[in-house]
Amino acid sequence: MSATFIANGLAVIGAGSIIGIDLIDAVLLAGSLGVIKVAEQLARNFLDDGRLTMEEINQSFSVLDRGPKN
């Protein structure tokens, strides 16, 4: 979840400054939304059958755009 927060938070630094949003506010908002998105998917997968498999956990984290791969 920490990596999710950081990846989403850092992605908005430039965009936030362009439109006049305070840097820390933009990072906190984007990071929190990424974590919430993953947590929601984990909860939905758990509600399906009362357990989480590694495949479901991996799928939950893959709902985020990973961006370009090097």
Protein backbone atom coordinates (compact mmCIF):
# COMPACT_ATOMS: atom_id res chain seq x y z
CA MET A 1 0.00 0.00 0.00
CA SER A 2 2.93 2.34 0.66
CA ALA A 3 4.22 1.82 -2.85
CA THR A 4 0.70 2.45 -4.20
CA PHE A 5 0.50 5.72 -2.27
CA ILE A 6 3.94 6.87 -3.42
CA ALA A 7 3.42 5.92 -7.07
CA ASN A 8 0.10 7.73 -7.27
CA GLY A 9 1.21 10.69 -5.19
CA LEU A 10 4.37 11.40 -7.15
CA ALA A 11 2.54 11.16 -10.45
CA VAL A 12 0.61 14.40 -9.77
CA ILE A 13 3.38 16.72 -8.63
CA GLY A 14 3.71 18.44 -11.99
CA ALA A 15 -0.01 18.53 -12.72
CA GLY A 16 -0.84 20.01 -9.32
CA SER A 17 1.64 22.82 -9.71
CA ILE A 18 0.37 23.67 -13.19
CA ILE A 19 -3.22 24.19 -12.06
CA GLY A 20 -2.33 25.88 -8.78
CA ILE A 21 -3.02 23.14 -6.23
CA ASP A 22 -0.69 23.11 -3.23
CA LEU A 23 1.95 20.40 -3.71
CA ILE A 24 1.30 18.49 -0.50
CA ASP A 25 -2.48 18.56 -1.05
CA ALA A 26 -2.11 17.14 -4.56
CA VAL A 27 0.21 14.34 -3.40
CA LEU A 28 -1.99 13.42 -0.43
CA LEU A 29 -5.14 13.35 -2.54
CA ALA A 30 -3.68 11.27 -5.36
CA GLY A 31 -1.90 8.88 -3.01
CA SER A 32 -5.00 8.37 -0.90
CA LEU A 33 -7.19 7.74 -3.92
CA GLY A 34 -4.81 5.05 -5.17
CA VAL A 35 -4.80 3.28 -1.80
CA ILE A 36 -8.59 3.50 -1.58
CA LYS A 37 -8.98 2.03 -5.07
CA VAL A 38 -6.83 -0.99 -4.18
CA ALA A 39 -8.50 -1.45 -0.77
CA GLU A 40 -11.93 -1.37 -2.42
CA GLN A 41 -10.93 -4.03 -4.93
CA LEU A 42 -9.47 -6.22 -2.15
CA ALA A 43 -12.71 -5.90 -0.19
CA ARG A 44 -14.81 -6.79 -3.24
CA ASN A 45 -12.68 -9.86 -3.92
CA PHE A 46 -12.97 -10.92 -0.28
CA LEU A 47 -16.75 -10.51 -0.30
CA ASP A 48 -17.05 -12.88 -3.27
CA ASP A 49 -16.09 -15.97 -1.25
CA GLY A 50 -14.71 -14.87 2.13
CA ARG A 51 -11.05 -15.34 1.25
CA LEU A 52 -8.31 -13.79 -0.84
CA THR A 53 -6.03 -15.79 -3.08
CA MET A 54 -2.67 -14.50 -4.30
CA GLU A 55 -4.21 -14.15 -7.75
CA GLU A 56 -6.99 -11.94 -6.34
CA ILE A 57 -4.48 -9.84 -4.40
CA ASN A 58 -2.30 -9.37 -7.48
CA GLN A 59 -5.37 -8.53 -9.55
CA SER A 60 -6.44 -5.94 -6.96
CA PHE A 61 -3.13 -4.12 -7.23
CA SER A 62 -3.21 -4.27 -11.02
CA VAL A 63 -6.27 -1.97 -11.16
CA LEU A 64 -3.82 0.93 -11.10
CA ASP A 65 -2.14 2.15 -14.25
CA ARG A 66 1.49 1.14 -13.95
CA GLY A 67 2.70 3.53 -16.62
CA PRO A 68 5.53 2.80 -19.05
CA LYS A 69 7.91 -0.06 -18.35
CA ASN A 70 11.62 0.35 -18.87
